[in-house]
Amino acid sequence: STESKLAQANNISDNIPVFSGSLDSVAAVISLSALLITPDTSLVHIASASETPVFGLFVHYNTDEVIWSPYKSRFDCVITKEPTLENISFEQVSQKLSAFIKSLLQQN
């Protein structure tokens, strides 16, 4: 059910250690990763530099500016027109991320 999937998603952060290394170390980890899932942060730029595929979560609120996307990386995202990422549903992310991962696997 959606409620059980949401509960699982809410508990993910309890099982993932916090990385406290240097920016160089973060860049190295990203360059060795199969996929980066991130909100709109500097990590998107680092992933693009190393051609690591990116799945982004973006806020496009009260602006006419174009959403930036990585130049060298495979990329997909979920965008909310509300002021915070909290308005992006688990279902939106799950559906779009699943399709993106499938396309990455088919490419390889």
PDB file of N, CA and C in Angstrom:
ATOM      1  N   SER A   1       0.828  -1.191   0.000  1.00  0.00           N
ATOM      2  CA  SER A   1       0.000   0.000   0.000  1.00  0.00           C
ATOM      3  C   SER A   1       0.871   1.252   0.000  1.00  0.00           C
ATOM      4  N   THR A   2       0.252   2.335  -0.363  1.00  0.00           N
ATOM      5  CA  THR A   2       0.971   3.610  -0.406  1.00  0.00           C
ATOM      6  C   THR A   2       1.452   4.010   0.979  1.00  0.00           C
ATOM      7  N   GLU A   3       0.642   3.754   2.011  1.00  0.00           N
ATOM      8  CA  GLU A   3       1.037   4.124   3.371  1.00  0.00           C
ATOM      9  C   GLU A   3       2.275   3.361   3.824  1.00  0.00           C
ATOM     10  N   SER A   4       2.353   2.073   3.501  1.00  0.00           N
ATOM     11  CA  SER A   4       3.527   1.298   3.913  1.00  0.00           C
ATOM     12  C   SER A   4       4.767   1.729   3.134  1.00  0.00           C
ATOM     13  N   LYS A   5       4.600   2.059   1.854  1.00  0.00           N
ATOM     14  CA  LYS A   5       5.738   2.556   1.071  1.00  0.00           C
ATOM     15  C   LYS A   5       6.215   3.899   1.612  1.00  0.00           C
ATOM     16  N   LEU A   6       5.281   4.750   2.008  1.00  0.00           N
ATOM     17  CA  LEU A   6       5.640   6.045   2.575  1.00  0.00           C
ATOM     18  C   LEU A   6       6.371   5.864   3.899  1.00  0.00           C
ATOM     19  N   ALA A   7       5.913   4.933   4.720  1.00  0.00           N
ATOM     20  CA  ALA A   7       6.594   4.656   5.987  1.00  0.00           C
ATOM     21  C   ALA A   7       8.008   4.148   5.735  1.00  0.00           C
ATOM     22  N   GLN A   8       8.172   3.281   4.749  1.00  0.00           N
ATOM     23  CA  GLN A   8       9.512   2.800   4.395  1.00  0.00           C
ATOM     24  C   GLN A   8      10.395   3.951   3.939  1.00  0.00           C
ATOM     25  N   ALA A   9       9.858   4.816   3.107  1.00  0.00           N
ATOM     26  CA  ALA A   9      10.639   5.955   2.607  1.00  0.00           C
ATOM     27  C   ALA A   9      11.040   6.884   3.741  1.00  0.00           C
ATOM     28  N   ASN A  10      10.138   7.097   4.693  1.00  0.00           N
ATOM     29  CA  ASN A  10      10.452   7.969   5.825  1.00  0.00           C
ATOM     30  C   ASN A  10      11.535   7.389   6.716  1.00  0.00           C
ATOM     31  N   ASN A  11      11.706   6.059   6.702  1.00  0.00           N
ATOM     32  CA  ASN A  11      12.719   5.414   7.539  1.00  0.00           C
ATOM     33  C   ASN A  11      14.056   5.226   6.833  1.00  0.00           C
ATOM     34  N   ILE A  12      14.146   5.561   5.562  1.00  0.00           N
ATOM     35  CA  ILE A  12      15.395   5.370   4.820  1.00  0.00           C
ATOM     36  C   ILE A  12      16.532   6.127   5.470  1.00  0.00           C
ATOM     37  N   SER A  13      16.282   7.372   5.851  1.00  0.00           N
ATOM     38  CA  SER A  13      17.368   8.184   6.410  1.00  0.00           C
ATOM     39  C   SER A  13      17.907   7.608   7.709  1.00  0.00           C
ATOM     40  N   ASP A  14      17.120   6.807   8.412  1.00  0.00           N
ATOM     41  CA  ASP A  14      17.605   6.178   9.647  1.00  0.00           C
ATOM     42  C   ASP A  14      18.653   5.117   9.363  1.00  0.00           C
ATOM     43  N   ASN A  15      18.678   4.601   8.149  1.00  0.00           N
ATOM     44  CA  ASN A  15      19.575   3.505   7.797  1.00  0.00           C
ATOM     45  C   ASN A  15      20.745   3.924   6.917  1.00  0.00           C
ATOM     46  N   ILE A  16      20.839   5.197   6.606  1.00  0.00           N
ATOM     47  CA  ILE A  16      21.912   5.687   5.743  1.00  0.00           C
ATOM     48  C   ILE A  16      22.854   6.545   6.577  1.00  0.00           C
ATOM     49  N   PRO A  17      24.123   6.174   6.607  1.00  0.00           N
ATOM     50  CA  PRO A  17      25.058   6.992   7.389  1.00  0.00           C
ATOM     51  C   PRO A  17      25.258   8.363   6.742  1.00  0.00           C
ATOM     52  N   VAL A  18      25.489   9.350   7.567  1.00  0.00           N
ATOM     53  CA  VAL A  18      25.758  10.696   7.078  1.00  0.00           C
ATOM     54  C   VAL A  18      27.217  10.769   6.653  1.00  0.00           C
ATOM     55  N   PHE A  19      27.454  11.265   5.455  1.00  0.00           N
ATOM     56  CA  PHE A  19      28.819  11.400   4.952  1.00  0.00           C
ATOM     57  C   PHE A  19      29.386  12.719   5.446  1.00  0.00           C
ATOM     58  N   SER A  20      30.538  12.673   6.065  1.00  0.00           N
ATOM     59  CA  SER A  20      31.129  13.899   6.607  1.00  0.00           C
ATOM     60  C   SER A  20      32.526  14.155   6.048  1.00  0.00           C
ATOM     61  N   GLY A  21      32.804  13.638   4.859  1.00  0.00           N
ATOM     62  CA  GLY A  21      34.113  13.811   4.246  1.00  0.00           C
ATOM     63  C   GLY A  21      34.258  15.151   3.549  1.00  0.00           C
ATOM     64  N   SER A  22      35.372  15.335   2.890  1.00  0.00           N
ATOM     65  CA  SER A  22      35.663  16.573   2.170  1.00  0.00           C
ATOM     66  C   SER A  22      34.885  16.627   0.855  1.00  0.00           C
ATOM     67  N   LEU A  23      34.854  17.799   0.247  1.00  0.00           N
ATOM     68  CA  LEU A  23      34.194  17.948  -1.047  1.00  0.00           C
ATOM     69  C   LEU A  23      34.874  17.081  -2.105  1.00  0.00           C
ATOM     70  N   ASP A  24      36.197  16.953  -2.023  1.00  0.00           N
ATOM     71  CA  ASP A  24      36.920  16.069  -2.944  1.00  0.00           C
ATOM     72  C   ASP A  24      36.458  14.625  -2.791  1.00  0.00           C
ATOM     73  N   SER A  25      36.235  14.206  -1.549  1.00  0.00           N
ATOM     74  CA  SER A  25      35.762  12.839  -1.297  1.00  0.00           C
ATOM     75  C   SER A  25      34.353  12.645  -1.834  1.00  0.00           C
ATOM     76  N   VAL A  26      33.510  13.646  -1.642  1.00  0.00           N
ATOM     77  CA  VAL A  26      32.144  13.582  -2.170  1.00  0.00           C
ATOM     78  C   VAL A  26      32.185  13.453  -3.691  1.00  0.00           C
ATOM     79  N   ALA A  27      33.027  14.243  -4.339  1.00  0.00           N
ATOM     80  CA  ALA A  27      33.154  14.182  -5.797  1.00  0.00           C
ATOM     81  C   ALA A  27      33.620  12.804  -6.240  1.00  0.00           C
ATOM     82  N   ALA A  28      34.549  12.215  -5.497  1.00  0.00           N
ATOM     83  CA  ALA A  28      35.038  10.875  -5.841  1.00  0.00           C
ATOM     84  C   ALA A  28      33.929   9.843  -5.711  1.00  0.00           C
ATOM     85  N   VAL A  29      33.158   9.922  -4.634  1.00  0.00           N
ATOM     86  CA  VAL A  29      32.054   8.975  -4.425  1.00  0.00           C
ATOM     87  C   VAL A  29      31.025   9.121  -5.545  1.00  0.00           C
ATOM     88  N   ILE A  30      30.670  10.353  -5.883  1.00  0.00           N
ATOM     89  CA  ILE A  30      29.692  10.582  -6.955  1.00  0.00           C
ATOM     90  C   ILE A  30      30.205  10.053  -8.287  1.00  0.00           C
ATOM     91  N   SER A  31      31.486  10.255  -8.564  1.00  0.00           N
ATOM     92  CA  SER A  31      32.036   9.798  -9.849  1.00  0.00           C
ATOM     93  C   SER A  31      32.014   8.283  -9.979  1.00  0.00           C
ATOM     94  N   LEU A  32      31.978   7.575  -8.849  1.00  0.00           N
ATOM     95  CA  LEU A  32      31.936   6.111  -8.859  1.00  0.00           C
ATOM     96  C   LEU A  32      30.512   5.566  -8.729  1.00  0.00           C
ATOM     97  N   SER A  33      29.539   6.457  -8.597  1.00  0.00           N
ATOM     98  CA  SER A  33      28.154   6.051  -8.376  1.00  0.00           C
ATOM     99  C   SER A  33      27.435   5.775  -9.691  1.00  0.00           C
ATOM    100  N   ALA A  34      26.464   4.879  -9.633  1.00  0.00           N
ATOM    101  CA  ALA A  34      25.651   4.563 -10.810  1.00  0.00           C
ATOM    102  C   ALA A  34      24.564   5.609 -11.034  1.00  0.00           C
ATOM    103  N   LEU A  35      24.178   6.327  -9.966  1.00  0.00           N
ATOM    104  CA  LEU A  35      23.084   7.292 -10.042  1.00  0.00           C
ATOM    105  C   LEU A  35      23.140   8.194  -8.820  1.00  0.00           C
ATOM    106  N   LEU A  36      22.867   9.488  -9.021  1.00  0.00           N
ATOM    107  CA  LEU A  36      22.729  10.431  -7.916  1.00  0.00           C
ATOM    108  C   LEU A  36      21.285  10.892  -7.866  1.00  0.00           C
ATOM    109  N   ILE A  37      20.668  10.774  -6.697  1.00  0.00           N
ATOM    110  CA  ILE A  37      19.317  11.285  -6.467  1.00  0.00           C
ATOM    111  C   ILE A  37      19.478  12.431  -5.481  1.00  0.00           C
ATOM    112  N   THR A  38      19.068  13.636  -5.882  1.00  0.00           N
ATOM    113  CA  THR A  38      19.353  14.805  -5.056  1.00  0.00           C
ATOM    114  C   THR A  38      18.372  15.935  -5.331  1.00  0.00           C
ATOM    115  N   PRO A  39      18.139  16.787  -4.322  1.00  0.00           N
ATOM    116  CA  PRO A  39      17.465  18.043  -4.633  1.00  0.00           C
ATOM    117  C   PRO A  39      18.434  18.931  -5.415  1.00  0.00           C
ATOM    118  N   ASP A  40      17.993  20.090  -5.780  1.00  0.00           N
ATOM    119  CA  ASP A  40      18.811  21.013  -6.572  1.00  0.00           C
ATOM    120  C   ASP A  40      19.956  21.546  -5.708  1.00  0.00           C
ATOM    121  N   THR A  41      21.106  20.883  -5.783  1.00  0.00           N
ATOM    122  CA  THR A  41      22.274  21.259  -4.989  1.00  0.00           C
ATOM    123  C   THR A  41      23.515  21.255  -5.865  1.00  0.00           C
ATOM    124  N   SER A  42      24.624  21.626  -5.278  1.00  0.00           N
ATOM    125  CA  SER A  42      25.899  21.620  -6.001  1.00  0.00           C
ATOM    126  C   SER A  42      26.277  20.215  -6.459  1.00  0.00           C
ATOM    127  N   LEU A  43      25.719  19.196  -5.822  1.00  0.00           N
ATOM    128  CA  LEU A  43      26.044  17.823  -6.195  1.00  0.00           C
ATOM    129  C   LEU A  43      25.614  17.507  -7.625  1.00  0.00           C
ATOM    130  N   VAL A  44      24.580  18.186  -8.113  1.00  0.00           N
ATOM    131  CA  VAL A  44      24.156  17.996  -9.503  1.00  0.00           C
ATOM    132  C   VAL A  44      25.289  18.395 -10.449  1.00  0.00           C
ATOM    133  N   HIS A  45      25.966  19.478 -10.136  1.00  0.00           N
ATOM    134  CA  HIS A  45      27.071  19.951 -10.975  1.00  0.00           C
ATOM    135  C   HIS A  45      28.251  18.980 -10.928  1.00  0.00           C
ATOM    136  N   ILE A  46      28.537  18.459  -9.747  1.00  0.00           N
ATOM    137  CA  ILE A  46      29.629  17.492  -9.599  1.00  0.00           C
ATOM    138  C   ILE A  46      29.305  16.228 -10.391  1.00  0.00           C
ATOM    139  N   ALA A  47      28.060  15.769 -10.301  1.00  0.00           N
ATOM    140  CA  ALA A  47      27.654  14.575 -11.052  1.00  0.00           C
ATOM    141  C   ALA A  47      27.766  14.818 -12.553  1.00  0.00           C
ATOM    142  N   SER A  48      27.372  15.982 -12.998  1.00  0.00           N
ATOM    143  CA  SER A  48      27.466  16.302 -14.420  1.00  0.00           C
ATOM    144  C   SER A  48      28.910  16.274 -14.896  1.00  0.00           C
ATOM    145  N   ALA A  49      29.814  16.794 -14.079  1.00  0.00           N
ATOM    146  CA  ALA A  49      31.233  16.812 -14.457  1.00  0.00           C
ATOM    147  C   ALA A  49      31.788  15.405 -14.631  1.00  0.00           C
ATOM    148  N   SER A  50      31.256  14.458 -13.857  1.00  0.00           N
ATOM    149  CA  SER A  50      31.749  13.076 -13.947  1.00  0.00           C
ATOM    150  C   SER A  50      30.824  12.186 -14.781  1.00  0.00           C
ATOM    151  N   GLU A  51      29.814  12.803 -15.419  1.00  0.00           N
ATOM    152  CA  GLU A  51      28.853  12.094 -16.263  1.00  0.00           C
ATOM    153  C   GLU A  51      28.063  11.026 -15.509  1.00  0.00           C
ATOM    154  N   THR A  52      27.847  11.257 -14.222  1.00  0.00           N
ATOM    155  CA  THR A  52      27.018  10.370 -13.406  1.00  0.00           C
ATOM    156  C   THR A  52      25.555  10.739 -13.642  1.00  0.00           C
ATOM    157  N   PRO A  53      24.685   9.776 -13.956  1.00  0.00           N
ATOM    158  CA  PRO A  53      23.265  10.087 -14.143  1.00  0.00           C
ATOM    159  C   PRO A  53      22.670  10.737 -12.890  1.00  0.00           C
ATOM    160  N   VAL A  54      21.736  11.669 -13.108  1.00  0.00           N
ATOM    161  CA  VAL A  54      21.145  12.441 -12.015  1.00  0.00           C
ATOM    162  C   VAL A  54      19.630  12.375 -12.088  1.00  0.00           C
ATOM    163  N   PHE A  55      19.018  12.127 -10.924  1.00  0.00           N
ATOM    164  CA  PHE A  55      17.574  12.277 -10.773  1.00  0.00           C
ATOM    165  C   PHE A  55      17.376  13.399  -9.764  1.00  0.00           C
ATOM    166  N   GLY A  56      16.797  14.516 -10.220  1.00  0.00           N
ATOM    167  CA  GLY A  56      16.694  15.700  -9.376  1.00  0.00           C
ATOM    168  C   GLY A  56      15.293  15.970  -8.879  1.00  0.00           C
ATOM    169  N   LEU A  57      15.244  16.670  -7.764  1.00  0.00           N
ATOM    170  CA  LEU A  57      13.999  17.160  -7.185  1.00  0.00           C
ATOM    171  C   LEU A  57      14.103  18.684  -7.170  1.00  0.00           C
ATOM    172  N   PHE A  58      13.223  19.352  -7.898  1.00  0.00           N
ATOM    173  CA  PHE A  58      13.348  20.790  -8.096  1.00  0.00           C
ATOM    174  C   PHE A  58      12.098  21.548  -7.670  1.00  0.00           C
ATOM    175  N   VAL A  59      12.314  22.752  -7.155  1.00  0.00           N
ATOM    176  CA  VAL A  59      11.250  23.707  -6.877  1.00  0.00           C
ATOM    177  C   VAL A  59      11.298  24.757  -7.980  1.00  0.00           C
ATOM    178  N   HIS A  60      10.178  24.956  -8.641  1.00  0.00           N
ATOM    179  CA  HIS A  60      10.077  25.985  -9.688  1.00  0.00           C
ATOM    180  C   HIS A  60       8.910  26.876  -9.296  1.00  0.00           C
ATOM    181  N   TYR A  61       9.134  27.676  -8.255  1.00  0.00           N
ATOM    182  CA  TYR A  61       8.064  28.457  -7.636  1.00  0.00           C
ATOM    183  C   TYR A  61       8.229  29.938  -7.938  1.00  0.00           C
ATOM    184  N   ASN A  62       7.179  30.549  -8.431  1.00  0.00           N
ATOM    185  CA  ASN A  62       7.118  31.992  -8.595  1.00  0.00           C
ATOM    186  C   ASN A  62       8.281  32.543  -9.425  1.00  0.00           C
ATOM    187  N   THR A  63       8.610  31.871 -10.504  1.00  0.00           N
ATOM    188  CA  THR A  63       9.699  32.318 -11.364  1.00  0.00           C
ATOM    189  C   THR A  63       9.434  31.906 -12.807  1.00  0.00           C
ATOM    190  N   ASP A  64      10.008  32.650 -13.710  1.00  0.00           N
ATOM    191  CA  ASP A  64       9.938  32.292 -15.124  1.00  0.00           C
ATOM    192  C   ASP A  64      11.248  31.692 -15.604  1.00  0.00           C
ATOM    193  N   GLU A  65      12.213  31.555 -14.697  1.00  0.00           N
ATOM    194  CA  GLU A  65      13.514  31.022 -15.072  1.00  0.00           C
ATOM    195  C   GLU A  65      13.402  29.558 -15.488  1.00  0.00           C
ATOM    196  N   VAL A  66      14.279  29.159 -16.378  1.00  0.00           N
ATOM    197  CA  VAL A  66      14.315  27.782 -16.862  1.00  0.00           C
ATOM    198  C   VAL A  66      15.052  26.923 -15.842  1.00  0.00           C
ATOM    199  N   ILE A  67      14.548  25.720 -15.593  1.00  0.00           N
ATOM    200  CA  ILE A  67      15.227  24.781 -14.701  1.00  0.00           C
ATOM    201  C   ILE A  67      16.520  24.348 -15.374  1.00  0.00           C
ATOM    202  N   TRP A  68      17.607  24.417 -14.647  1.00  0.00           N
ATOM    203  CA  TRP A  68      18.901  23.980 -15.162  1.00  0.00           C
ATOM    204  C   TRP A  68      18.951  22.457 -15.124  1.00  0.00           C
ATOM    205  N   SER A  69      19.630  21.858 -16.075  1.00  0.00           N
ATOM    206  CA  SER A  69      19.838  20.410 -16.048  1.00  0.00           C
ATOM    207  C   SER A  69      21.278  20.107 -16.452  1.00  0.00           C
ATOM    208  N   PRO A  70      21.792  18.959 -16.023  1.00  0.00           N
ATOM    209  CA  PRO A  70      23.187  18.615 -16.313  1.00  0.00           C
ATOM    210  C   PRO A  70      23.445  18.517 -17.815  1.00  0.00           C
ATOM    211  N   TYR A  71      24.581  18.998 -18.225  1.00  0.00           N
ATOM    212  CA  TYR A  71      24.957  19.013 -19.632  1.00  0.00           C
ATOM    213  C   TYR A  71      25.451  17.654 -20.109  1.00  0.00           C
ATOM    214  N   LYS A  72      26.244  16.961 -19.289  1.00  0.00           N
ATOM    215  CA  LYS A  72      26.899  15.729 -19.731  1.00  0.00           C
ATOM    216  C   LYS A  72      26.246  14.456 -19.200  1.00  0.00           C
ATOM    217  N   SER A  73      25.281  14.570 -18.324  1.00  0.00           N
ATOM    218  CA  SER A  73      24.727  13.389 -17.661  1.00  0.00           C
ATOM    219  C   SER A  73      23.325  13.073 -18.148  1.00  0.00           C
ATOM    220  N   ARG A  74      22.985  11.789 -18.103  1.00  0.00           N
ATOM    221  CA  ARG A  74      21.574  11.406 -18.264  1.00  0.00           C
ATOM    222  C   ARG A  74      20.839  12.028 -17.088  1.00  0.00           C
ATOM    223  N   PHE A  75      19.643  12.537 -17.328  1.00  0.00           N
ATOM    224  CA  PHE A  75      18.972  13.328 -16.308  1.00  0.00           C
ATOM    225  C   PHE A  75      17.467  13.200 -16.420  1.00  0.00           C
ATOM    226  N   ASP A  76      16.816  13.141 -15.274  1.00  0.00           N
ATOM    227  CA  ASP A  76      15.369  13.284 -15.194  1.00  0.00           C
ATOM    228  C   ASP A  76      15.071  13.931 -13.853  1.00  0.00           C
ATOM    229  N   CYS A  77      13.852  14.425 -13.695  1.00  0.00           N
ATOM    230  CA  CYS A  77      13.542  15.108 -12.441  1.00  0.00           C
ATOM    231  C   CYS A  77      12.043  15.157 -12.204  1.00  0.00           C
ATOM    232  N   VAL A  78      11.705  15.542 -10.983  1.00  0.00           N
ATOM    233  CA  VAL A  78      10.344  15.872 -10.602  1.00  0.00           C
ATOM    234  C   VAL A  78      10.390  17.336 -10.178  1.00  0.00           C
ATOM    235  N   ILE A  79       9.442  18.112 -10.662  1.00  0.00           N
ATOM    236  CA  ILE A  79       9.411  19.549 -10.381  1.00  0.00           C
ATOM    237  C   ILE A  79       8.094  19.890  -9.702  1.00  0.00           C
ATOM    238  N   THR A  80       8.165  20.697  -8.642  1.00  0.00           N
ATOM    239  CA  THR A  80       6.964  21.223  -8.014  1.00  0.00           C
ATOM    240  C   THR A  80       6.897  22.721  -8.263  1.00  0.00           C
ATOM    241  N   LYS A  81       5.705  23.213  -8.447  1.00  0.00           N
ATOM    242  CA  LYS A  81       5.507  24.658  -8.602  1.00  0.00           C
ATOM    243  C   LYS A  81       5.150  25.292  -7.262  1.00  0.00           C
ATOM    244  N   GLU A  82       5.206  24.503  -6.208  1.00  0.00           N
ATOM    245  CA  GLU A  82       4.965  24.991  -4.851  1.00  0.00           C
ATOM    246  C   GLU A  82       6.293  25.437  -4.239  1.00  0.00           C
ATOM    247  N   PRO A  83       6.264  26.118  -3.078  1.00  0.00           N
ATOM    248  CA  PRO A  83       7.502  26.680  -2.533  1.00  0.00           C
ATOM    249  C   PRO A  83       8.494  25.681  -1.930  1.00  0.00           C
ATOM    250  N   THR A  84       8.073  24.456  -1.636  1.00  0.00           N
ATOM    251  CA  THR A  84       8.993  23.503  -1.008  1.00  0.00           C
ATOM    252  C   THR A  84       8.889  22.129  -1.655  1.00  0.00           C
ATOM    253  N   LEU A  85       9.916  21.321  -1.426  1.00  0.00           N
ATOM    254  CA  LEU A  85       9.922  19.945  -1.942  1.00  0.00           C
ATOM    255  C   LEU A  85       8.894  19.063  -1.249  1.00  0.00           C
ATOM    256  N   GLU A  86       8.407  19.486  -0.096  1.00  0.00           N
ATOM    257  CA  GLU A  86       7.423  18.685   0.638  1.00  0.00           C
ATOM    258  C   GLU A  86       6.173  18.416  -0.187  1.00  0.00           C
ATOM    259  N   ASN A  87       5.947  19.212  -1.205  1.00  0.00           N
ATOM    260  CA  ASN A  87       4.754  19.068  -2.038  1.00  0.00           C
ATOM    261  C   ASN A  87       4.912  18.029  -3.139  1.00  0.00           C
ATOM    262  N   ILE A  88       6.100  17.453  -3.256  1.00  0.00           N
ATOM    263  CA  ILE A  88       6.313  16.377  -4.224  1.00  0.00           C
ATOM    264  C   ILE A  88       5.899  15.074  -3.558  1.00  0.00           C
ATOM    265  N   SER A  89       5.016  14.332  -4.185  1.00  0.00           N
ATOM    266  CA  SER A  89       4.503  13.108  -3.567  1.00  0.00           C
ATOM    267  C   SER A  89       5.447  11.927  -3.784  1.00  0.00           C
ATOM    268  N   PHE A  90       5.332  10.968  -2.904  1.00  0.00           N
ATOM    269  CA  PHE A  90       6.093   9.725  -3.034  1.00  0.00           C
ATOM    270  C   PHE A  90       5.784   9.064  -4.374  1.00  0.00           C
ATOM    271  N   GLU A  91       4.508   9.078  -4.770  1.00  0.00           N
ATOM    272  CA  GLU A  91       4.100   8.448  -6.019  1.00  0.00           C
ATOM    273  C   GLU A  91       4.756   9.115  -7.228  1.00  0.00           C
ATOM    274  N   GLN A  92       4.831  10.447  -7.220  1.00  0.00           N
ATOM    275  CA  GLN A  92       5.476  11.156  -8.329  1.00  0.00           C
ATOM    276  C   GLN A  92       6.926  10.715  -8.478  1.00  0.00           C
ATOM    277  N   VAL A  93       7.639  10.696  -7.357  1.00  0.00           N
ATOM    278  CA  VAL A  93       9.051  10.326  -7.384  1.00  0.00           C
ATOM    279  C   VAL A  93       9.204   8.866  -7.776  1.00  0.00           C
ATOM    280  N   SER A  94       8.415   7.996  -7.167  1.00  0.00           N
ATOM    281  CA  SER A  94       8.525   6.559  -7.415  1.00  0.00           C
ATOM    282  C   SER A  94       8.301   6.221  -8.890  1.00  0.00           C
ATOM    283  N   GLN A  95       7.247   6.768  -9.481  1.00  0.00           N
ATOM    284  CA  GLN A  95       6.934   6.467 -10.881  1.00  0.00           C
ATOM    285  C   GLN A  95       8.019   6.981 -11.826  1.00  0.00           C
ATOM    286  N   LYS A  96       8.411   8.216 -11.644  1.00  0.00           N
ATOM    287  CA  LYS A  96       9.381   8.805 -12.571  1.00  0.00           C
ATOM    288  C   LYS A  96      10.770   8.212 -12.370  1.00  0.00           C
ATOM    289  N   LEU A  97      11.154   7.965 -11.112  1.00  0.00           N
ATOM    290  CA  LEU A  97      12.463   7.379 -10.832  1.00  0.00           C
ATOM    291  C   LEU A  97      12.542   5.954 -11.367  1.00  0.00           C
ATOM    292  N   SER A  98      11.488   5.177 -11.208  1.00  0.00           N
ATOM    293  CA  SER A  98      11.474   3.804 -11.732  1.00  0.00           C
ATOM    294  C   SER A  98      11.674   3.794 -13.243  1.00  0.00           C
ATOM    295  N   ALA A  99      10.978   4.673 -13.938  1.00  0.00           N
ATOM    296  CA  ALA A  99      11.124   4.747 -15.397  1.00  0.00           C
ATOM    297  C   ALA A  99      12.539   5.180 -15.779  1.00  0.00           C
ATOM    298  N   PHE A 100      13.113   6.109 -15.024  1.00  0.00           N
ATOM    299  CA  PHE A 100      14.467   6.586 -15.316  1.00  0.00           C
ATOM    300  C   PHE A 100      15.491   5.473 -15.109  1.00  0.00           C
ATOM    301  N   ILE A 101      15.350   4.738 -14.020  1.00  0.00           N
ATOM    302  CA  ILE A 101      16.281   3.630 -13.756  1.00  0.00           C
ATOM    303  C   ILE A 101      16.166   2.574 -14.854  1.00  0.00           C
ATOM    304  N   LYS A 102      14.944   2.261 -15.271  1.00  0.00           N
ATOM    305  CA  LYS A 102      14.763   1.294 -16.360  1.00  0.00           C
ATOM    306  C   LYS A 102      15.459   1.769 -17.633  1.00  0.00           C
ATOM    307  N   SER A 103      15.348   3.054 -17.935  1.00  0.00           N
ATOM    308  CA  SER A 103      16.000   3.570 -19.150  1.00  0.00           C
ATOM    309  C   SER A 103      17.519   3.504 -19.023  1.00  0.00           C
ATOM    310  N   LEU A 104      18.052   3.731 -17.827  1.00  0.00           N
ATOM    311  CA  LEU A 104      19.499   3.614 -17.614  1.00  0.00           C
ATOM    312  C   LEU A 104      19.958   2.172 -17.794  1.00  0.00           C
ATOM    313  N   LEU A 105      19.176   1.235 -17.278  1.00  0.00           N
ATOM    314  CA  LEU A 105      19.530  -0.182 -17.396  1.00  0.00           C
ATOM    315  C   LEU A 105      19.460  -0.649 -18.846  1.00  0.00           C
ATOM    316  N   GLN A 106      18.494  -0.149 -19.600  1.00  0.00           N
ATOM    317  CA  GLN A 106      18.373  -0.517 -21.012  1.00  0.00           C
ATOM    318  C   GLN A 106      19.515   0.057 -21.833  1.00  0.00           C
ATOM    319  N   GLN A 107      20.029   1.201 -21.415  1.00  0.00           N
ATOM    320  CA  GLN A 107      21.142   1.838 -22.122  1.00  0.00           C
ATOM    321  C   GLN A 107      22.409   1.004 -21.980  1.00  0.00           C
ATOM    322  N   ASN A 108      22.588   0.388 -20.835  1.00  0.00           N
ATOM    323  CA  ASN A 108      23.783  -0.424 -20.588  1.00  0.00           C
ATOM    324  C   ASN A 108      23.540  -1.786 -21.136  1.00  0.00           C
TER     325      ASN A 108
END
